[in-house]
């Protein structure tokens, strides 16, 4: 790990992210080995990582269908995050019934994002099984949700954020821990 100015800690470089995705793809193929696999990423960074993961699986000879979901309208805190939330749309151009769904997100924290994603998937069909794959597991679960495949486990405090940067959105690939920026808003802390 490398500490940047301002207390940021670099925990994964671009090379480490790609190495981790390659290993995750190999483990998924080894353990889920069926032909009816699909990869569905949670927007916005989870779907980018899902595409990369699927590319590694395709290189290994697997036929993989790829989709993405936007869980915005399924969040249990929708009324508290924004009066006009931005919905990016779900894009799953295939039927998920009887598929082995590999659900991909960048970071698992409380488990609430994953709960929302599972609810949306249940509305879309009945997969044979769903496996959860996350690049980073930072702990602090509020719900009994545990990923099946994890790139890296990271110890964090409640006043830290794990930021995953991807070149498609951020111009670079890296993962770092930063201090949560708090501001006063009617006595509540927001980040």
C-alpha atoms as a PDB file:
ATOM      1  CA  UNK A   1       0.000   0.000   0.000  1.00  0.00           C
ATOM      2  CA  UNK A   2       1.141   3.507  -0.769  1.00  0.00           C
ATOM      3  CA  UNK A   3      -0.052   6.622   1.085  1.00  0.00           C
ATOM      4  CA  UNK A   4      -0.821   9.685  -1.055  1.00  0.00           C
ATOM      5  CA  UNK A   5      -1.016  13.276   0.114  1.00  0.00           C
ATOM      6  CA  UNK A   6      -4.128  13.999   2.153  1.00  0.00           C
ATOM      7  CA  UNK A   7      -4.044  10.563   3.776  1.00  0.00           C
ATOM      8  CA  UNK A   8      -5.292   8.606   0.741  1.00  0.00           C
ATOM      9  CA  UNK A   9      -4.026   5.044   0.593  1.00  0.00           C
ATOM     10  CA  UNK A  10      -3.555   3.305  -2.746  1.00  0.00           C
ATOM     11  CA  UNK A  11      -4.602  -0.322  -2.267  1.00  0.00           C
ATOM     12  CA  UNK A  12      -4.707  -1.578  -5.889  1.00  0.00           C
ATOM     13  CA  UNK A  13      -2.932  -0.465  -9.043  1.00  0.00           C
ATOM     14  CA  UNK A  14      -4.242  -0.969 -12.578  1.00  0.00           C
ATOM     15  CA  UNK A  15      -2.104  -4.104 -12.913  1.00  0.00           C
ATOM     16  CA  UNK A  16      -3.399  -5.513  -9.616  1.00  0.00           C
ATOM     17  CA  UNK A  17      -7.007  -4.898 -10.659  1.00  0.00           C
ATOM     18  CA  UNK A  18      -6.499  -6.764 -13.942  1.00  0.00           C
ATOM     19  CA  UNK A  19      -4.653  -9.605 -12.203  1.00  0.00           C
ATOM     20  CA  UNK A  20      -7.491  -9.874  -9.685  1.00  0.00           C
ATOM     21  CA  UNK A  21     -10.161  -9.948 -12.423  1.00  0.00           C
ATOM     22  CA  UNK A  22      -8.247 -12.673 -14.272  1.00  0.00           C
ATOM     23  CA  UNK A  23      -8.043 -14.772 -11.085  1.00  0.00           C
ATOM     24  CA  UNK A  24     -11.728 -14.191 -10.323  1.00  0.00           C
ATOM     25  CA  UNK A  25     -12.668 -15.320 -13.846  1.00  0.00           C
ATOM     26  CA  UNK A  26     -10.554 -18.465 -13.471  1.00  0.00           C
ATOM     27  CA  UNK A  27     -12.141 -19.301 -10.092  1.00  0.00           C
ATOM     28  CA  UNK A  28     -15.665 -18.706 -11.383  1.00  0.00           C
ATOM     29  CA  UNK A  29     -15.087 -20.982 -14.385  1.00  0.00           C
ATOM     30  CA  UNK A  30     -13.562 -23.656 -12.146  1.00  0.00           C
ATOM     31  CA  UNK A  31     -16.413 -23.554  -9.626  1.00  0.00           C
ATOM     32  CA  UNK A  32     -19.423 -22.668 -11.765  1.00  0.00           C
ATOM     33  CA  UNK A  33     -18.169 -24.362 -14.961  1.00  0.00           C
ATOM     34  CA  UNK A  34     -21.582 -24.627 -16.614  1.00  0.00           C
ATOM     35  CA  UNK A  35     -22.454 -23.355 -20.064  1.00  0.00           C
ATOM     36  CA  UNK A  36     -25.405 -21.255 -18.927  1.00  0.00           C
ATOM     37  CA  UNK A  37     -23.330 -18.575 -17.203  1.00  0.00           C
ATOM     38  CA  UNK A  38     -24.135 -14.889 -17.483  1.00  0.00           C
ATOM     39  CA  UNK A  39     -22.463 -11.885 -15.925  1.00  0.00           C
ATOM     40  CA  UNK A  40     -24.532  -8.933 -14.729  1.00  0.00           C
ATOM     41  CA  UNK A  41     -22.845  -5.837 -13.347  1.00  0.00           C
ATOM     42  CA  UNK A  42     -24.348  -3.261 -11.015  1.00  0.00           C
ATOM     43  CA  UNK A  43     -24.086   0.179 -12.595  1.00  0.00           C
ATOM     44  CA  UNK A  44     -21.847   2.155 -12.745  1.00  0.00           C
ATOM     45  CA  UNK A  45     -18.508   0.652 -11.910  1.00  0.00           C
ATOM     46  CA  UNK A  46     -19.741  -2.883 -11.319  1.00  0.00           C
ATOM     47  CA  UNK A  47     -20.939  -3.167 -14.899  1.00  0.00           C
ATOM     48  CA  UNK A  48     -17.563  -2.028 -16.241  1.00  0.00           C
ATOM     49  CA  UNK A  49     -15.782  -4.616 -14.087  1.00  0.00           C
ATOM     50  CA  UNK A  50     -18.364  -7.219 -15.192  1.00  0.00           C
ATOM     51  CA  UNK A  51     -17.484  -6.615 -18.852  1.00  0.00           C
ATOM     52  CA  UNK A  52     -13.791  -7.044 -18.110  1.00  0.00           C
ATOM     53  CA  UNK A  53     -14.479 -10.191 -16.067  1.00  0.00           C
ATOM     54  CA  UNK A  54     -16.569 -11.614 -18.912  1.00  0.00           C
ATOM     55  CA  UNK A  55     -13.744 -10.878 -21.371  1.00  0.00           C
ATOM     56  CA  UNK A  56     -11.371 -13.015 -19.284  1.00  0.00           C
ATOM     57  CA  UNK A  57     -13.975 -15.792 -19.169  1.00  0.00           C
ATOM     58  CA  UNK A  58     -14.431 -15.610 -22.948  1.00  0.00           C
ATOM     59  CA  UNK A  59     -10.651 -15.894 -23.425  1.00  0.00           C
ATOM     60  CA  UNK A  60     -10.890 -19.156 -21.476  1.00  0.00           C
ATOM     61  CA  UNK A  61     -13.425 -20.450 -24.006  1.00  0.00           C
ATOM     62  CA  UNK A  62     -16.691 -19.746 -22.172  1.00  0.00           C
ATOM     63  CA  UNK A  63     -19.702 -18.322 -23.950  1.00  0.00           C
ATOM     64  CA  UNK A  64     -20.842 -15.557 -21.628  1.00  0.00           C
ATOM     65  CA  UNK A  65     -23.850 -13.269 -21.880  1.00  0.00           C
ATOM     66  CA  UNK A  66     -23.387  -9.833 -20.318  1.00  0.00           C
ATOM     67  CA  UNK A  67     -25.892  -7.433 -18.833  1.00  0.00           C
ATOM     68  CA  UNK A  68     -26.128  -4.568 -16.371  1.00  0.00           C
ATOM     69  CA  UNK A  69     -28.652  -3.395 -13.813  1.00  0.00           C
ATOM     70  CA  UNK A  70     -29.391  -0.043 -12.282  1.00  0.00           C
ATOM     71  CA  UNK A  71     -30.660  -0.532  -8.736  1.00  0.00           C
ATOM     72  CA  UNK A  72     -31.566   3.128  -8.151  1.00  0.00           C
ATOM     73  CA  UNK A  73     -35.327   2.548  -7.939  1.00  0.00           C
ATOM     74  CA  UNK A  74     -34.810  -0.518  -5.714  1.00  0.00           C
ATOM     75  CA  UNK A  75     -32.782   1.294  -3.037  1.00  0.00           C
ATOM     76  CA  UNK A  76     -34.214   1.377   0.476  1.00  0.00           C
ATOM     77  CA  UNK A  77     -32.834   4.908   0.931  1.00  0.00           C
ATOM     78  CA  UNK A  78     -34.150   6.378  -2.325  1.00  0.00           C
ATOM     79  CA  UNK A  79     -36.044   9.189  -0.624  1.00  0.00           C
ATOM     80  CA  UNK A  80     -32.978  10.260   1.349  1.00  0.00           C
ATOM     81  CA  UNK A  81     -30.331  10.280  -1.414  1.00  0.00           C
ATOM     82  CA  UNK A  82     -31.799  12.788  -3.846  1.00  0.00           C
ATOM     83  CA  UNK A  83     -35.107  14.374  -4.795  1.00  0.00           C
ATOM     84  CA  UNK A  84     -34.431  13.552  -8.470  1.00  0.00           C
ATOM     85  CA  UNK A  85     -32.246  10.435  -8.633  1.00  0.00           C
ATOM     86  CA  UNK A  86     -30.519   9.659 -11.928  1.00  0.00           C
ATOM     87  CA  UNK A  87     -31.606   6.320 -13.386  1.00  0.00           C
ATOM     88  CA  UNK A  88     -29.161   4.822 -15.898  1.00  0.00           C
ATOM     89  CA  UNK A  89     -31.385   1.911 -16.928  1.00  0.00           C
ATOM     90  CA  UNK A  90     -31.137  -1.853 -16.769  1.00  0.00           C
ATOM     91  CA  UNK A  91     -29.762  -3.606 -19.848  1.00  0.00           C
ATOM     92  CA  UNK A  92     -30.178  -7.371 -19.836  1.00  0.00           C
ATOM     93  CA  UNK A  93     -30.724  -8.474 -23.446  1.00  0.00           C
ATOM     94  CA  UNK A  94     -31.384 -12.124 -22.510  1.00  0.00           C
ATOM     95  CA  UNK A  95     -33.675 -14.192 -20.324  1.00  0.00           C
ATOM     96  CA  UNK A  96     -32.137 -14.936 -16.908  1.00  0.00           C
ATOM     97  CA  UNK A  97     -34.405 -17.930 -16.184  1.00  0.00           C
ATOM     98  CA  UNK A  98     -32.345 -21.041 -15.336  1.00  0.00           C
ATOM     99  CA  UNK A  99     -29.054 -19.165 -15.779  1.00  0.00           C
ATOM    100  CA  UNK A 100     -26.165 -19.076 -13.351  1.00  0.00           C
ATOM    101  CA  UNK A 101     -25.923 -15.339 -12.747  1.00  0.00           C
ATOM    102  CA  UNK A 102     -22.616 -13.869 -11.648  1.00  0.00           C
ATOM    103  CA  UNK A 103     -23.638 -10.551 -10.069  1.00  0.00           C
ATOM    104  CA  UNK A 104     -20.701  -8.106 -10.059  1.00  0.00           C
ATOM    105  CA  UNK A 105     -20.103  -4.974  -8.005  1.00  0.00           C
ATOM    106  CA  UNK A 106     -16.992  -2.956  -7.299  1.00  0.00           C
ATOM    107  CA  UNK A 107     -17.223  -2.761  -3.477  1.00  0.00           C
ATOM    108  CA  UNK A 108     -19.393  -4.575  -0.960  1.00  0.00           C
ATOM    109  CA  UNK A 109     -20.022  -2.622   2.206  1.00  0.00           C
ATOM    110  CA  UNK A 110     -23.338  -2.782   4.115  1.00  0.00           C
ATOM    111  CA  UNK A 111     -24.964  -5.232   1.684  1.00  0.00           C
ATOM    112  CA  UNK A 112     -27.851  -2.894   0.857  1.00  0.00           C
ATOM    113  CA  UNK A 113     -26.828  -2.411  -2.784  1.00  0.00           C
ATOM    114  CA  UNK A 114     -26.700  -6.169  -3.242  1.00  0.00           C
ATOM    115  CA  UNK A 115     -30.113  -6.579  -1.580  1.00  0.00           C
ATOM    116  CA  UNK A 116     -31.543  -4.080  -4.072  1.00  0.00           C
ATOM    117  CA  UNK A 117     -29.878  -5.915  -6.975  1.00  0.00           C
ATOM    118  CA  UNK A 118     -31.262  -9.277  -5.825  1.00  0.00           C
ATOM    119  CA  UNK A 119     -34.752  -7.790  -5.594  1.00  0.00           C
ATOM    120  CA  UNK A 120     -34.475  -6.424  -9.130  1.00  0.00           C
ATOM    121  CA  UNK A 121     -33.170  -9.749 -10.467  1.00  0.00           C
ATOM    122  CA  UNK A 122     -36.136 -11.532  -8.838  1.00  0.00           C
ATOM    123  CA  UNK A 123     -38.442  -9.158 -10.726  1.00  0.00           C
ATOM    124  CA  UNK A 124     -36.718 -10.060 -14.006  1.00  0.00           C
ATOM    125  CA  UNK A 125     -36.824 -13.849 -13.766  1.00  0.00           C
ATOM    126  CA  UNK A 126     -35.797 -16.947 -11.868  1.00  0.00           C
ATOM    127  CA  UNK A 127     -32.114 -17.781 -12.253  1.00  0.00           C
ATOM    128  CA  UNK A 128     -30.843 -21.261 -11.417  1.00  0.00           C
ATOM    129  CA  UNK A 129     -28.491 -19.608  -8.944  1.00  0.00           C
ATOM    130  CA  UNK A 130     -26.883 -16.245  -8.261  1.00  0.00           C
ATOM    131  CA  UNK A 131     -23.263 -15.858  -7.213  1.00  0.00           C
ATOM    132  CA  UNK A 132     -21.859 -12.566  -5.967  1.00  0.00           C
ATOM    133  CA  UNK A 133     -18.471 -11.297  -7.163  1.00  0.00           C
ATOM    134  CA  UNK A 134     -16.935  -8.102  -5.753  1.00  0.00           C
ATOM    135  CA  UNK A 135     -13.562  -6.556  -6.444  1.00  0.00           C
ATOM    136  CA  UNK A 136     -13.309  -5.242  -2.851  1.00  0.00           C
ATOM    137  CA  UNK A 137     -14.906  -6.457   0.381  1.00  0.00           C
ATOM    138  CA  UNK A 138     -14.534  -3.740   3.020  1.00  0.00           C
ATOM    139  CA  UNK A 139     -16.690  -5.333   5.729  1.00  0.00           C
ATOM    140  CA  UNK A 140     -19.201  -3.509   7.953  1.00  0.00           C
ATOM    141  CA  UNK A 141     -22.209  -5.542   6.794  1.00  0.00           C
ATOM    142  CA  UNK A 142     -25.705  -4.501   7.902  1.00  0.00           C
ATOM    143  CA  UNK A 143     -27.397  -7.385   6.083  1.00  0.00           C
ATOM    144  CA  UNK A 144     -26.488 -11.093   6.030  1.00  0.00           C
ATOM    145  CA  UNK A 145     -24.951 -10.979   2.557  1.00  0.00           C
ATOM    146  CA  UNK A 146     -21.560 -12.451   1.726  1.00  0.00           C
ATOM    147  CA  UNK A 147     -19.812 -12.511  -1.676  1.00  0.00           C
ATOM    148  CA  UNK A 148     -18.831 -15.832  -3.221  1.00  0.00           C
ATOM    149  CA  UNK A 149     -15.862 -14.337  -5.078  1.00  0.00           C
ATOM    150  CA  UNK A 150     -13.718 -11.452  -3.806  1.00  0.00           C
ATOM    151  CA  UNK A 151     -10.675  -9.819  -5.347  1.00  0.00           C
ATOM    152  CA  UNK A 152      -9.385  -8.257  -2.132  1.00  0.00           C
ATOM    153  CA  UNK A 153     -10.470  -7.946   1.499  1.00  0.00           C
ATOM    154  CA  UNK A 154      -9.726  -4.527   3.002  1.00  0.00           C
ATOM    155  CA  UNK A 155     -10.084  -3.373   6.604  1.00  0.00           C
ATOM    156  CA  UNK A 156     -11.694   0.041   6.812  1.00  0.00           C
ATOM    157  CA  UNK A 157     -13.253   2.320   9.370  1.00  0.00           C
ATOM    158  CA  UNK A 158     -16.688   3.916   9.119  1.00  0.00           C
ATOM    159  CA  UNK A 159     -15.110   7.287   8.290  1.00  0.00           C
ATOM    160  CA  UNK A 160     -13.320   5.910   5.226  1.00  0.00           C
ATOM    161  CA  UNK A 161     -14.511   5.327   1.664  1.00  0.00           C
ATOM    162  CA  UNK A 162     -13.117   2.805  -0.794  1.00  0.00           C
ATOM    163  CA  UNK A 163     -12.922   4.521  -4.187  1.00  0.00           C
ATOM    164  CA  UNK A 164     -12.674   2.322  -7.253  1.00  0.00           C
ATOM    165  CA  UNK A 165     -11.549   4.259 -10.316  1.00  0.00           C
ATOM    166  CA  UNK A 166     -11.968   2.770 -13.791  1.00  0.00           C
ATOM    167  CA  UNK A 167     -10.458   4.269 -16.908  1.00  0.00           C
ATOM    168  CA  UNK A 168     -13.800   4.245 -18.731  1.00  0.00           C
ATOM    169  CA  UNK A 169     -15.279   6.728 -16.223  1.00  0.00           C
ATOM    170  CA  UNK A 170     -12.330   8.156 -14.296  1.00  0.00           C
ATOM    171  CA  UNK A 171      -9.457   8.095 -16.785  1.00  0.00           C
ATOM    172  CA  UNK A 172      -7.418   5.635 -14.703  1.00  0.00           C
ATOM    173  CA  UNK A 173      -7.651   2.269 -12.976  1.00  0.00           C
ATOM    174  CA  UNK A 174      -6.897   2.177  -9.257  1.00  0.00           C
ATOM    175  CA  UNK A 175      -8.465   1.539  -5.874  1.00  0.00           C
ATOM    176  CA  UNK A 176      -7.769   3.742  -2.887  1.00  0.00           C
ATOM    177  CA  UNK A 177      -9.053   4.422   0.602  1.00  0.00           C
ATOM    178  CA  UNK A 178      -9.922   8.041   1.347  1.00  0.00           C
ATOM    179  CA  UNK A 179     -11.358   9.834   4.366  1.00  0.00           C
ATOM    180  CA  UNK A 180     -15.092  10.485   4.149  1.00  0.00           C
ATOM    181  CA  UNK A 181     -15.846  14.138   3.447  1.00  0.00           C
ATOM    182  CA  UNK A 182     -18.548  15.309   5.819  1.00  0.00           C
ATOM    183  CA  UNK A 183     -20.600  18.453   5.746  1.00  0.00           C
ATOM    184  CA  UNK A 184     -23.351  19.727   7.961  1.00  0.00           C
ATOM    185  CA  UNK A 185     -26.809  19.245   6.478  1.00  0.00           C
ATOM    186  CA  UNK A 186     -29.596  19.717   8.983  1.00  0.00           C
ATOM    187  CA  UNK A 187     -27.438  18.085  11.620  1.00  0.00           C
ATOM    188  CA  UNK A 188     -26.777  14.999   9.493  1.00  0.00           C
ATOM    189  CA  UNK A 189     -23.468  13.943   8.003  1.00  0.00           C
ATOM    190  CA  UNK A 190     -23.400  13.236   4.266  1.00  0.00           C
ATOM    191  CA  UNK A 191     -20.684  12.174   1.914  1.00  0.00           C
END
